[in-house]
N, C-alpha and C. Protein backbone atom coordinates (compact mmCIF):
# COMPACT_ATOMS: atom_id res chain seq x y z
N MET A 1 1.19 -1.71 0.13
CA MET A 1 0.31 -0.09 -0.04
C MET A 1 1.10 1.49 0.16
N ALA A 2 2.37 0.80 0.26
CA ALA A 2 2.95 2.72 0.62
C ALA A 2 3.35 3.08 -0.83
N ALA A 3 3.82 1.70 -1.68
CA ALA A 3 4.43 1.79 -2.61
C ALA A 3 3.67 2.28 -3.76
N GLU A 4 2.54 2.51 -3.23
CA GLU A 4 1.34 3.32 -4.33
C GLU A 4 0.91 4.59 -4.67
N LEU A 5 1.11 5.27 -3.18
CA LEU A 5 0.95 6.54 -2.37
C LEU A 5 2.49 7.36 -3.58
N ASP A 6 1.93 8.58 -4.22
CA ASP A 6 2.79 8.87 -4.49
C ASP A 6 2.81 10.33 -3.79
N PHE A 7 3.78 10.58 -3.48
CA PHE A 7 4.24 12.22 -2.43
C PHE A 7 5.08 13.39 -3.20
N SER A 8 4.93 12.49 -4.83
CA SER A 8 5.88 13.92 -5.92
C SER A 8 5.05 15.45 -5.41
N PRO A 9 5.69 16.49 -5.34
CA PRO A 9 5.04 17.81 -5.76
C PRO A 9 4.66 17.55 -7.45
N PRO A 10 3.23 17.60 -7.57
CA PRO A 10 2.86 18.23 -8.68
C PRO A 10 3.28 18.42 -9.95
N GLU A 11 3.29 18.41 -11.37
CA GLU A 11 4.21 19.66 -12.48
C GLU A 11 3.37 20.90 -12.34
N ILE A 12 3.65 21.35 -12.04
CA ILE A 12 3.07 23.18 -13.12
C ILE A 12 3.97 23.34 -14.01
N PRO A 13 2.97 23.86 -14.72
CA PRO A 13 4.40 24.40 -16.04
C PRO A 13 4.53 26.16 -15.61
N GLU A 14 5.66 25.90 -16.43
CA GLU A 14 6.68 27.69 -15.47
C GLU A 14 5.59 29.45 -16.57
N PRO A 15 4.95 30.10 -16.28
CA PRO A 15 4.21 31.09 -16.52
C PRO A 15 4.88 31.87 -17.48
N THR A 16 3.85 31.62 -18.54
CA THR A 16 4.26 32.51 -19.92
C THR A 16 4.73 34.38 -20.15
N LEU A 17 4.79 34.54 -20.04
CA LEU A 17 5.13 36.05 -20.77
C LEU A 17 3.84 36.73 -20.30
N MET A 18 2.96 36.38 -20.85
CA MET A 18 1.86 37.05 -20.95
C MET A 18 1.04 36.88 -19.33
N GLU A 19 1.11 36.23 -18.94
CA GLU A 19 0.45 35.91 -17.32
C GLU A 19 1.75 36.41 -16.36
N ASN A 20 2.62 36.80 -16.66
CA ASN A 20 3.84 37.41 -15.46
C ASN A 20 3.56 38.78 -15.67
N ILE A 21 3.11 39.67 -17.04
CA ILE A 21 2.39 40.31 -17.03
C ILE A 21 1.63 40.68 -16.33
N LEU A 22 0.23 40.06 -17.23
CA LEU A 22 -1.54 41.11 -15.78
C LEU A 22 -0.45 40.07 -14.43
N ARG A 23 0.05 39.53 -14.23
CA ARG A 23 0.09 39.35 -12.80
C ARG A 23 1.05 40.28 -12.26
N TYR A 24 1.93 41.30 -12.48
CA TYR A 24 2.20 41.84 -12.25
C TYR A 24 1.49 43.24 -12.53
N GLY A 25 1.01 42.85 -13.57
CA GLY A 25 0.02 44.70 -13.81
C GLY A 25 -1.13 44.54 -12.42
N LEU A 26 -1.77 43.96 -11.67
CA LEU A 26 -2.52 43.44 -11.61
C LEU A 26 -1.62 43.89 -9.87
N PHE A 27 -0.35 43.90 -9.41
CA PHE A 27 0.13 44.18 -8.14
C PHE A 27 0.07 45.46 -8.40
N PHE A 28 0.61 45.78 -9.03
CA PHE A 28 1.28 47.36 -9.27
C PHE A 28 -0.32 47.86 -9.39
N GLY A 29 -1.52 47.28 -9.72
CA GLY A 29 -2.58 48.42 -10.04
C GLY A 29 -3.48 47.74 -8.45
N ALA A 30 -2.95 47.54 -7.55
CA ALA A 30 -4.07 47.35 -6.49
C ALA A 30 -3.44 48.81 -5.64
N ILE A 31 -1.67 47.96 -5.79
CA ILE A 31 -0.72 48.69 -4.66
C ILE A 31 -1.37 50.79 -5.47
N PHE A 32 -1.53 51.00 -6.59
CA PHE A 32 -1.70 52.29 -6.56
C PHE A 32 -2.86 52.94 -5.50
N GLN A 33 -3.77 51.46 -5.82
CA GLN A 33 -5.01 52.16 -5.53
C GLN A 33 -5.17 52.29 -4.23
N LEU A 34 -4.14 51.38 -3.01
CA LEU A 34 -4.56 52.23 -1.37
C LEU A 34 -3.19 52.63 -1.83
N ILE A 35 -2.36 53.69 -3.19
CA ILE A 35 -2.14 54.34 -2.50
C ILE A 35 -2.64 55.99 -2.57
N CYS A 36 -4.16 56.28 -3.41
CA CYS A 36 -5.31 57.29 -3.86
C CYS A 36 -5.67 57.06 -2.57
N ILE A 37 -6.40 55.68 -1.46
CA ILE A 37 -7.03 55.85 -0.49
C ILE A 37 -6.08 56.64 -0.04
N LEU A 38 -5.76 56.12 1.01
CA LEU A 38 -4.68 56.82 1.43
C LEU A 38 -4.26 58.58 1.28
N ALA A 39 -4.38 58.71 0.55
CA ALA A 39 -4.33 59.57 -0.12
C ALA A 39 -5.07 60.46 0.49
N ILE A 40 -6.61 60.38 -0.18
CA ILE A 40 -7.78 60.86 0.44
C ILE A 40 -8.35 60.41 2.05
N LEU A 41 -7.25 59.69 2.02
CA LEU A 41 -7.69 59.21 4.06
C LEU A 41 -6.66 60.00 4.62
N LEU A 42 -5.45 60.30 4.36
CA LEU A 42 -4.36 61.20 4.92
C LEU A 42 -4.10 62.38 4.19
N PRO A 43 -5.01 63.47 4.15
CA PRO A 43 -4.38 64.65 3.29
C PRO A 43 -3.30 65.54 3.80
N ILE A 44 -2.63 65.49 3.35
CA ILE A 44 -1.46 66.79 3.56
C ILE A 44 -2.13 67.99 4.15
N PRO A 45 -1.28 68.37 5.13
CA PRO A 45 -1.97 69.58 5.61
C PRO A 45 -1.32 70.75 4.58
N LYS A 46 -1.55 71.95 4.57
CA LYS A 46 -1.33 73.01 3.64
C LYS A 46 -0.95 74.10 5.13
N THR A 47 -0.20 74.81 4.34
CA THR A 47 1.21 75.30 5.75
C THR A 47 -0.60 77.01 5.24
N HIS A 48 -0.63 78.06 6.43
CA HIS A 48 -0.75 79.00 6.82
C HIS A 48 -0.64 80.16 5.27
N LYS A 49 0.73 80.64 5.85
CA LYS A 49 1.44 80.99 4.76
C LYS A 49 1.02 80.94 3.20
N MET A 50 0.85 79.98 2.52
CA MET A 50 0.80 79.69 1.08
C MET A 50 -1.09 80.20 1.30
N ASP A 51 -1.54 79.81 2.05
CA ASP A 51 -3.71 80.10 1.80
C ASP A 51 -3.06 81.21 2.51
N ALA A 52 -2.63 82.33 2.95
CA ALA A 52 -3.20 83.70 3.01
C ALA A 52 -2.29 84.63 1.94
N GLU A 53 -0.78 83.84 1.00
CA GLU A 53 -0.93 84.89 -0.01
C GLU A 53 -1.89 84.37 -0.98
N SER A 54 -2.03 83.26 -1.29
CA SER A 54 -2.72 83.06 -2.44
C SER A 54 -4.33 83.12 -2.53
N PHE A 55 -4.90 83.95 -1.50
CA PHE A 55 -6.09 84.08 -0.38
C PHE A 55 -6.42 85.88 -1.31
N GLU A 56 -5.45 86.08 -1.13
CA GLU A 56 -4.96 88.03 -0.98
C GLU A 56 -4.68 88.45 -1.86
N THR A 57 -4.14 87.60 -3.42
CA THR A 57 -3.65 87.73 -3.91
C THR A 57 -4.74 87.53 -5.23
N LYS A 58 -5.93 86.64 -4.66
CA LYS A 58 -7.36 86.16 -5.60
C LYS A 58 -8.40 86.88 -5.44
N SER A 59 -8.00 87.49 -4.17
CA SER A 59 -9.54 89.04 -3.66
C SER A 59 -8.83 90.69 -4.17
N SER A 60 -7.86 90.29 -4.65
CA SER A 60 -7.59 91.27 -4.98
C SER A 60 -7.41 91.39 -6.73
N GLU A 61 -6.85 90.74 -7.30
CA GLU A 61 -7.63 90.44 -8.71
C GLU A 61 -8.67 90.34 -9.50
N VAL A 62 -10.36 89.72 -8.31
CA VAL A 62 -11.35 89.41 -8.48
C VAL A 62 -12.15 91.68 -8.04
N VAL A 63 -12.67 92.39 -8.97
CA VAL A 63 -13.15 93.25 -9.21
C VAL A 63 -14.37 93.38 -10.10
N LYS A 64 -15.14 93.12 -9.01
CA LYS A 64 -16.44 92.77 -9.49
C LYS A 64 -17.34 94.53 -10.29
N LYS A 65 -17.38 93.58 -11.12
CA LYS A 65 -17.75 95.18 -12.12
C LYS A 65 -19.41 95.57 -12.29
N PRO A 66 -19.74 95.91 -12.19
CA PRO A 66 -21.46 96.35 -12.32
C PRO A 66 -22.36 96.02 -13.21
N LYS A 67 -23.71 94.49 -13.28
CA LYS A 67 -23.97 95.23 -14.70
C LYS A 67 -24.52 95.83 -15.01
N ALA A 68 -25.20 95.79 -16.63
CA ALA A 68 -25.71 96.75 -17.24
C ALA A 68 -27.61 96.32 -17.00
N GLY A 69 -26.91 95.08 -17.22
CA GLY A 69 -28.94 94.25 -16.51
C GLY A 69 -29.41 94.88 -15.50
N THR A 70 -28.54 95.46 -13.86
CA THR A 70 -28.95 95.18 -12.45
C THR A 70 -29.81 96.81 -12.32
N ALA A 71 -29.15 97.75 -13.61
CA ALA A 71 -29.69 99.26 -13.56
C ALA A 71 -31.39 99.07 -14.15
N SER A 72 -30.96 98.59 -15.15
CA SER A 72 -32.56 98.01 -15.89
C SER A 72 -33.62 97.75 -14.96
N VAL A 73 -33.12 96.93 -14.19
CA VAL A 73 -34.02 96.36 -12.82
C VAL A 73 -35.77 97.06 -12.48
N ASN A 74 -34.77 98.69 -12.09
CA ASN A 74 -36.16 99.80 -11.84
C ASN A 74 -37.13 100.23 -12.59
N LYS A 75 -36.56 99.76 -14.21
CA LYS A 75 -37.65 100.38 -15.47
C LYS A 75 -38.41 99.00 -15.46
N LYS A 76 -39.43 98.98 -15.83
CA LYS A 76 -40.56 98.27 -16.71
C LYS A 76 -40.52 98.66 -17.81
N PRO A 77 -40.66 96.73 -17.70
CA PRO A 77 -40.53 96.56 -19.76
C PRO A 77 -41.30 97.06 -20.23
N LYS A 78 -40.73 97.54 -21.40
CA LYS A 78 -42.17 97.80 -21.71
C LYS A 78 -43.03 96.91 -22.97
N LYS A 79 -45.04 96.41 -23.12
CA LYS A 79 -45.13 95.79 -23.10
C LYS A 79 -45.11 95.94 -24.67
N GLU A 80 -44.69 95.07 -25.52
CA GLU A 80 -45.47 94.77 -27.69
C GLU A 80 -46.34 93.81 -27.69
N THR A 81 -46.53 95.27 -28.47
CA THR A 81 -48.68 94.82 -28.62
C THR A 81 -48.18 95.73 -30.44
N LYS A 82 -49.49 94.50 -30.76
CA LYS A 82 -49.37 94.01 -32.19
C LYS A 82 -50.12 95.06 -33.00
N LYS A 83 -49.65 96.30 -33.95
CA LYS A 83 -51.01 97.54 -33.86
C LYS A 83 -51.51 96.59 -35.05
N LYS A 84 -53.39 96.84 -34.88
CA LYS A 84 -54.41 96.92 -35.33
C LYS A 84 -54.84 97.60 -36.24
N ARG A 85 -55.15 96.98 -37.56
CA ARG A 85 -54.98 97.49 -39.00
C ARG A 85 -56.51 97.49 -39.22
């Protein structure tokens, strides 16, 4: 009975080039996804100095111009009626 049992490891074929590319591509994709998730969960804090300077430049650049449409709000629109002939 002991002679009938074969305890040798099974023969596993060597992976092909395409299987290796797929295997390592999946590993890199998983690592990239983990990095993206960690970037969302652990954001890098910005310095106040940069935020204050960018805020000052944005507020000085943005100048609101009065629109011409707001001046005509007080006036009533003229009714357009067809002339009777």
